[in-house]
Amino acid sequence: MQGEVQTGAAIDAYVSKKNPKLKPVTDAVRALVRKAVPKSREAINPWGIPTFEWTSLQDSSKLLEGTGKNLRHVKLREISNVHDANLKQLILEAKALNRAQPLGPAMRAKKTSAKR
């Protein structure tokens, strides 16, 4: 629980520093993921970017951007993006994939030591 609080605080600080206008969007997507995948874990990846730990996805709706096999992203610029049914489907797809193929240690994000 304490690690989750620290990570949550680190994510809040990251968003506040990078683009405070996106705080409502970040809060909405975090709530969506927690509801769709209650056992998911937020993290700060090795590049210092907040993330949920997922691996490669099929992404039939083409929401994911980037070319990496294990590092792609969805750009969410406004709350309406979070309410896209395709996003929830992508989250559930990630949940199923991670259940079948959990991330190995090399793909896990580093733990953050941010304090709340």
Protein backbone atom coordinates (compact mmCIF):
# COMPACT_ATOMS: atom_id res chain seq x y z
CA MET A 1 0.00 0.00 0.00
CA GLN A 2 2.76 2.46 0.91
CA GLY A 3 4.51 1.85 -2.44
CA GLU A 4 1.24 2.56 -4.24
CA VAL A 5 0.83 5.84 -2.36
CA GLN A 6 4.42 6.84 -3.21
CA THR A 7 3.94 5.96 -6.87
CA GLY A 8 0.62 7.82 -6.98
CA ALA A 9 2.28 10.89 -5.50
CA ALA A 10 5.14 10.62 -8.00
CA ILE A 11 2.66 10.43 -10.88
CA ASP A 12 0.73 13.43 -9.54
CA ALA A 13 4.01 15.37 -9.31
CA TYR A 14 5.01 14.35 -12.85
CA VAL A 15 1.69 15.53 -14.30
CA SER A 16 1.75 18.76 -12.30
CA LYS A 17 5.24 19.52 -13.59
CA LYS A 18 4.75 18.48 -17.23
CA ASN A 19 1.20 19.67 -17.92
CA PRO A 20 -1.15 20.49 -15.02
CA LYS A 21 -4.07 20.91 -17.46
CA LEU A 22 -3.98 17.13 -18.02
CA LYS A 23 -4.61 16.32 -14.33
CA PRO A 24 -8.35 15.64 -14.89
CA VAL A 25 -7.49 13.37 -17.85
CA THR A 26 -4.85 11.50 -15.85
CA ASP A 27 -7.21 11.08 -12.91
CA ALA A 28 -9.92 9.76 -15.24
CA VAL A 29 -7.70 7.22 -16.97
CA ARG A 30 -6.24 6.04 -13.66
CA ALA A 31 -9.78 5.53 -12.34
CA LEU A 32 -10.76 3.66 -15.52
CA VAL A 33 -7.79 1.30 -15.25
CA ARG A 34 -8.38 0.68 -11.54
CA LYS A 35 -12.03 -0.15 -12.26
CA ALA A 36 -11.30 -2.38 -15.27
CA VAL A 37 -8.22 -4.04 -13.75
CA PRO A 38 -8.41 -3.74 -9.96
CA LYS A 39 -5.10 -5.56 -9.40
CA SER A 40 -3.15 -3.40 -11.85
CA ARG A 41 -0.10 -1.57 -10.61
CA GLU A 42 0.95 1.95 -11.52
CA ALA A 43 4.63 2.53 -11.99
CA ILE A 44 7.22 5.05 -13.10
CA ASN A 45 9.06 3.44 -15.99
CA PRO A 46 12.88 3.56 -16.36
CA TRP A 47 12.53 6.78 -18.39
CA GLY A 48 10.65 8.50 -15.57
CA ILE A 49 7.24 8.34 -17.24
CA PRO A 50 4.12 7.15 -15.39
CA THR A 51 2.80 3.91 -16.78
CA PHE A 52 0.73 0.85 -16.11
CA GLU A 53 2.73 -2.29 -16.70
CA TRP A 54 1.49 -3.91 -19.88
CA THR A 55 3.20 -5.74 -22.70
CA SER A 56 2.54 -6.12 -26.43
CA LEU A 57 -1.08 -5.85 -27.55
CA GLN A 58 -2.97 -6.51 -30.78
CA ASP A 59 -4.69 -3.09 -30.63
CA SER A 60 -7.31 -3.64 -33.32
CA SER A 61 -8.64 -0.09 -32.83
CA LYS A 62 -5.18 1.43 -33.51
CA LEU A 63 -5.04 3.55 -30.36
CA LEU A 64 -1.44 2.69 -29.55
CA GLU A 65 1.28 4.91 -30.99
CA GLY A 66 4.97 4.23 -31.35
CA THR A 67 6.94 1.43 -32.93
CA GLY A 68 8.32 -0.47 -29.96
CA LYS A 69 7.35 -4.06 -29.28
CA ASN A 70 6.89 -3.45 -25.56
CA LEU A 71 6.82 0.33 -25.33
CA ARG A 72 3.96 2.03 -27.08
CA HIS A 73 1.53 4.59 -25.75
CA VAL A 74 -1.95 6.04 -26.09
CA LYS A 75 -2.21 9.82 -26.21
CA LEU A 76 -5.04 11.09 -24.03
CA ARG A 77 -5.44 14.81 -24.36
CA GLU A 78 -8.94 15.27 -23.00
CA ILE A 79 -11.43 13.38 -20.85
CA SER A 80 -13.49 12.37 -23.90
CA ASN A 81 -10.49 10.26 -25.01
CA VAL A 82 -10.76 8.31 -21.75
CA HIS A 83 -14.42 7.53 -22.40
CA ASP A 84 -13.63 5.89 -25.75
CA ALA A 85 -14.92 2.29 -25.56
CA ASN A 86 -11.87 1.19 -27.53
CA LEU A 87 -9.61 2.36 -24.71
CA LYS A 88 -11.43 0.22 -22.17
CA GLN A 89 -11.22 -2.71 -24.59
CA LEU A 90 -7.46 -2.15 -24.92
CA ILE A 91 -7.12 -2.14 -21.14
CA LEU A 92 -9.05 -5.40 -20.85
CA GLU A 93 -6.92 -6.87 -23.66
CA ALA A 94 -3.81 -5.89 -21.71
CA LYS A 95 -5.23 -7.51 -18.60
CA ALA A 96 -5.83 -10.79 -20.43
CA LEU A 97 -2.42 -10.70 -22.10
CA ASN A 98 -0.59 -9.98 -18.85
CA ARG A 99 -2.44 -12.80 -17.17
CA ALA A 100 -1.25 -15.16 -19.93
CA GLN A 101 2.25 -13.65 -20.27
CA PRO A 102 3.32 -11.70 -17.17
CA LEU A 103 6.11 -9.16 -17.56
CA GLY A 104 9.58 -10.43 -16.78
CA PRO A 105 12.01 -8.55 -14.52
CA ALA A 106 13.68 -6.78 -17.47
CA MET A 107 10.40 -5.08 -18.46
CA ARG A 108 9.30 -4.10 -14.96
CA ALA A 109 9.47 -0.44 -14.05
CA LYS A 110 11.86 0.71 -11.38
CA LYS A 111 10.29 1.48 -8.02
CA THR A 112 10.06 5.13 -7.15
CA SER A 113 11.01 6.64 -3.83
CA ALA A 114 8.76 9.70 -4.06
CA LYS A 115 7.07 10.66 -0.83
CA ARG A 116 3.56 11.97 -0.39
